[in-house]
Amino acid sequence: MKKIENYWGINFPKNSLEVAALLNKNHKIILKDIKKLHFPKNGLCDENFCLSDYCIEKSNNKFVHKPFYEISRNGFVLLILTYTDPVSISVKIQFVNEFCRLEKQLSK
């Protein structure tokens, strides 16, 4: 199982490409799943997901623009809650364990 650490014991991916790599999923599937969750007020961004693009250089020095989402910590949590693969379950367990640890600290 992959263990991810950093903020509250969890290193949250910053964009949809990192989520796809973490979960070993096709990026197109991640984009589709975010679109199911994503209801932006201005058409492109909200506080959790912001649509952007990146360039890939093809042959003959031509560039292709591909979409991706910048993702907040809360956006990642919302997205990961929709998955049931082993990595997602591991992340959810880490998140719950960290929440319980902090809860115990606060109750002292």
C-alpha atoms as a PDB file:
ATOM      1  CA  MET A   1       0.000   0.000   0.000  1.00  0.00           C
ATOM      2  CA  LYS A   2       1.209   3.500  -0.788  1.00  0.00           C
ATOM      3  CA  LYS A   3       1.588   5.720   2.257  1.00  0.00           C
ATOM      4  CA  ILE A   4       1.397   9.411   1.584  1.00  0.00           C
ATOM      5  CA  GLU A   5       2.514  11.963   4.142  1.00  0.00           C
ATOM      6  CA  ASN A   6       2.879  15.686   4.668  1.00  0.00           C
ATOM      7  CA  TYR A   7      -0.077  17.784   5.794  1.00  0.00           C
ATOM      8  CA  TRP A   8      -1.761  16.195   8.844  1.00  0.00           C
ATOM      9  CA  GLY A   9       0.154  13.066   7.912  1.00  0.00           C
ATOM     10  CA  ILE A  10      -1.189  13.092   4.354  1.00  0.00           C
ATOM     11  CA  ASN A  11       0.484  14.500   1.236  1.00  0.00           C
ATOM     12  CA  PHE A  12      -2.370  15.653  -0.952  1.00  0.00           C
ATOM     13  CA  PRO A  13      -1.945  15.685  -4.743  1.00  0.00           C
ATOM     14  CA  LYS A  14      -2.138  19.203  -6.186  1.00  0.00           C
ATOM     15  CA  ASN A  15      -3.680  18.318  -9.559  1.00  0.00           C
ATOM     16  CA  SER A  16      -5.568  15.656 -11.479  1.00  0.00           C
ATOM     17  CA  LEU A  17      -2.372  14.302 -13.092  1.00  0.00           C
ATOM     18  CA  GLU A  18      -0.914  13.566  -9.649  1.00  0.00           C
ATOM     19  CA  VAL A  19      -4.180  11.921  -8.571  1.00  0.00           C
ATOM     20  CA  ALA A  20      -4.108   9.704 -11.673  1.00  0.00           C
ATOM     21  CA  ALA A  21      -0.502   8.703 -10.918  1.00  0.00           C
ATOM     22  CA  LEU A  22      -1.234   8.051  -7.232  1.00  0.00           C
ATOM     23  CA  LEU A  23      -4.266   5.880  -7.985  1.00  0.00           C
ATOM     24  CA  ASN A  24      -2.758   4.298 -11.101  1.00  0.00           C
ATOM     25  CA  LYS A  25      -5.810   5.388 -13.116  1.00  0.00           C
ATOM     26  CA  ASN A  26      -6.143   6.820 -16.597  1.00  0.00           C
ATOM     27  CA  HIS A  27      -6.148  10.627 -16.401  1.00  0.00           C
ATOM     28  CA  LYS A  28      -9.252  10.793 -18.627  1.00  0.00           C
ATOM     29  CA  ILE A  29     -11.177   8.830 -15.986  1.00  0.00           C
ATOM     30  CA  ILE A  30     -10.039  11.237 -13.251  1.00  0.00           C
ATOM     31  CA  LEU A  31     -11.159  14.206 -15.382  1.00  0.00           C
ATOM     32  CA  LYS A  32     -14.561  12.606 -15.944  1.00  0.00           C
ATOM     33  CA  ASP A  33     -14.977  11.878 -12.229  1.00  0.00           C
ATOM     34  CA  ILE A  34     -14.054  15.449 -11.276  1.00  0.00           C
ATOM     35  CA  LYS A  35     -16.629  16.774 -13.742  1.00  0.00           C
ATOM     36  CA  LYS A  36     -19.262  14.735 -11.873  1.00  0.00           C
ATOM     37  CA  LEU A  37     -18.293  16.492  -8.610  1.00  0.00           C
ATOM     38  CA  HIS A  38     -17.415  19.899  -9.989  1.00  0.00           C
ATOM     39  CA  PHE A  39     -20.046  22.636 -10.139  1.00  0.00           C
ATOM     40  CA  PRO A  40     -18.106  25.873 -10.703  1.00  0.00           C
ATOM     41  CA  LYS A  41     -19.800  29.221 -10.288  1.00  0.00           C
ATOM     42  CA  ASN A  42     -17.745  30.911 -13.006  1.00  0.00           C
ATOM     43  CA  GLY A  43     -17.534  27.984 -15.415  1.00  0.00           C
ATOM     44  CA  LEU A  44     -13.912  27.010 -14.753  1.00  0.00           C
ATOM     45  CA  CYS A  45     -12.991  27.209 -11.067  1.00  0.00           C
ATOM     46  CA  ASP A  46     -14.339  26.883  -7.586  1.00  0.00           C
ATOM     47  CA  GLU A  47     -12.534  26.570  -4.268  1.00  0.00           C
ATOM     48  CA  ASN A  48     -11.751  22.868  -4.857  1.00  0.00           C
ATOM     49  CA  PHE A  49     -11.141  22.378  -8.577  1.00  0.00           C
ATOM     50  CA  CYS A  50      -9.767  24.751 -11.202  1.00  0.00           C
ATOM     51  CA  LEU A  51      -9.639  23.720 -14.865  1.00  0.00           C
ATOM     52  CA  SER A  52      -6.355  24.439 -16.586  1.00  0.00           C
ATOM     53  CA  ASP A  53      -4.220  22.934 -19.346  1.00  0.00           C
ATOM     54  CA  TYR A  54      -0.720  21.758 -20.073  1.00  0.00           C
ATOM     55  CA  CYS A  55       1.185  21.350 -23.353  1.00  0.00           C
ATOM     56  CA  ILE A  56       2.634  18.230 -24.900  1.00  0.00           C
ATOM     57  CA  GLU A  57       5.142  18.594 -27.712  1.00  0.00           C
ATOM     58  CA  LYS A  58       4.291  16.410 -30.685  1.00  0.00           C
ATOM     59  CA  SER A  59       6.302  15.792 -33.824  1.00  0.00           C
ATOM     60  CA  ASN A  60       7.278  18.750 -36.064  1.00  0.00           C
ATOM     61  CA  ASN A  61       7.458  21.065 -33.013  1.00  0.00           C
ATOM     62  CA  LYS A  62       3.675  21.136 -32.726  1.00  0.00           C
ATOM     63  CA  PHE A  63       2.090  21.423 -29.305  1.00  0.00           C
ATOM     64  CA  VAL A  64      -1.138  19.898 -28.069  1.00  0.00           C
ATOM     65  CA  HIS A  65      -3.010  21.378 -25.112  1.00  0.00           C
ATOM     66  CA  LYS A  66      -4.462  18.875 -22.672  1.00  0.00           C
ATOM     67  CA  PRO A  67      -6.844  19.654 -19.785  1.00  0.00           C
ATOM     68  CA  PHE A  68      -6.142  19.033 -16.124  1.00  0.00           C
ATOM     69  CA  TYR A  69      -7.557  20.278 -12.837  1.00  0.00           C
ATOM     70  CA  GLU A  70      -5.669  22.001 -10.059  1.00  0.00           C
ATOM     71  CA  ILE A  71      -7.079  20.476  -6.880  1.00  0.00           C
ATOM     72  CA  SER A  72      -7.307  21.747  -3.307  1.00  0.00           C
ATOM     73  CA  ARG A  73      -6.879  19.486  -0.296  1.00  0.00           C
ATOM     74  CA  ASN A  74     -10.664  19.434   0.181  1.00  0.00           C
ATOM     75  CA  GLY A  75     -11.166  18.671  -3.513  1.00  0.00           C
ATOM     76  CA  PHE A  76      -8.835  15.693  -3.224  1.00  0.00           C
ATOM     77  CA  VAL A  77     -10.739  14.389  -0.206  1.00  0.00           C
ATOM     78  CA  LEU A  78     -14.080  14.794  -2.019  1.00  0.00           C
ATOM     79  CA  LEU A  79     -12.705  12.944  -5.036  1.00  0.00           C
ATOM     80  CA  ILE A  80     -11.008  10.135  -3.110  1.00  0.00           C
ATOM     81  CA  LEU A  81     -14.245   9.429  -1.221  1.00  0.00           C
ATOM     82  CA  THR A  82     -15.824   8.334  -4.509  1.00  0.00           C
ATOM     83  CA  TYR A  83     -13.277   5.531  -5.116  1.00  0.00           C
ATOM     84  CA  THR A  84     -13.027   2.040  -3.627  1.00  0.00           C
ATOM     85  CA  ASP A  85      -9.685   0.824  -5.001  1.00  0.00           C
ATOM     86  CA  PRO A  86      -6.995  -0.263  -2.494  1.00  0.00           C
ATOM     87  CA  VAL A  87      -4.971   2.970  -2.706  1.00  0.00           C
ATOM     88  CA  SER A  88      -8.083   5.097  -2.121  1.00  0.00           C
ATOM     89  CA  ILE A  89      -9.100   2.949   0.836  1.00  0.00           C
ATOM     90  CA  SER A  90      -5.576   3.324   2.263  1.00  0.00           C
ATOM     91  CA  VAL A  91      -5.753   7.111   1.905  1.00  0.00           C
ATOM     92  CA  LYS A  92      -9.180   7.182   3.568  1.00  0.00           C
ATOM     93  CA  ILE A  93      -7.909   5.058   6.457  1.00  0.00           C
ATOM     94  CA  GLN A  94      -4.891   7.359   6.910  1.00  0.00           C
ATOM     95  CA  PHE A  95      -7.177  10.383   6.863  1.00  0.00           C
ATOM     96  CA  VAL A  96      -9.572   8.902   9.435  1.00  0.00           C
ATOM     97  CA  ASN A  97      -6.687   7.804  11.681  1.00  0.00           C
ATOM     98  CA  GLU A  98      -5.174  11.272  11.576  1.00  0.00           C
ATOM     99  CA  PHE A  99      -8.565  12.847  12.302  1.00  0.00           C
ATOM    100  CA  CYS A 100      -8.967  10.570  15.356  1.00  0.00           C
ATOM    101  CA  ARG A 101      -5.458  11.411  16.567  1.00  0.00           C
ATOM    102  CA  LEU A 102      -6.177  15.141  16.333  1.00  0.00           C
ATOM    103  CA  GLU A 103      -9.536  14.682  18.015  1.00  0.00           C
ATOM    104  CA  LYS A 104      -7.820  12.971  20.972  1.00  0.00           C
ATOM    105  CA  GLN A 105      -5.278  15.814  21.180  1.00  0.00           C
ATOM    106  CA  LEU A 106      -8.024  18.411  21.291  1.00  0.00           C
ATOM    107  CA  SER A 107      -9.958  16.581  24.006  1.00  0.00           C
ATOM    108  CA  LYS A 108      -6.986  16.590  26.442  1.00  0.00           C
END
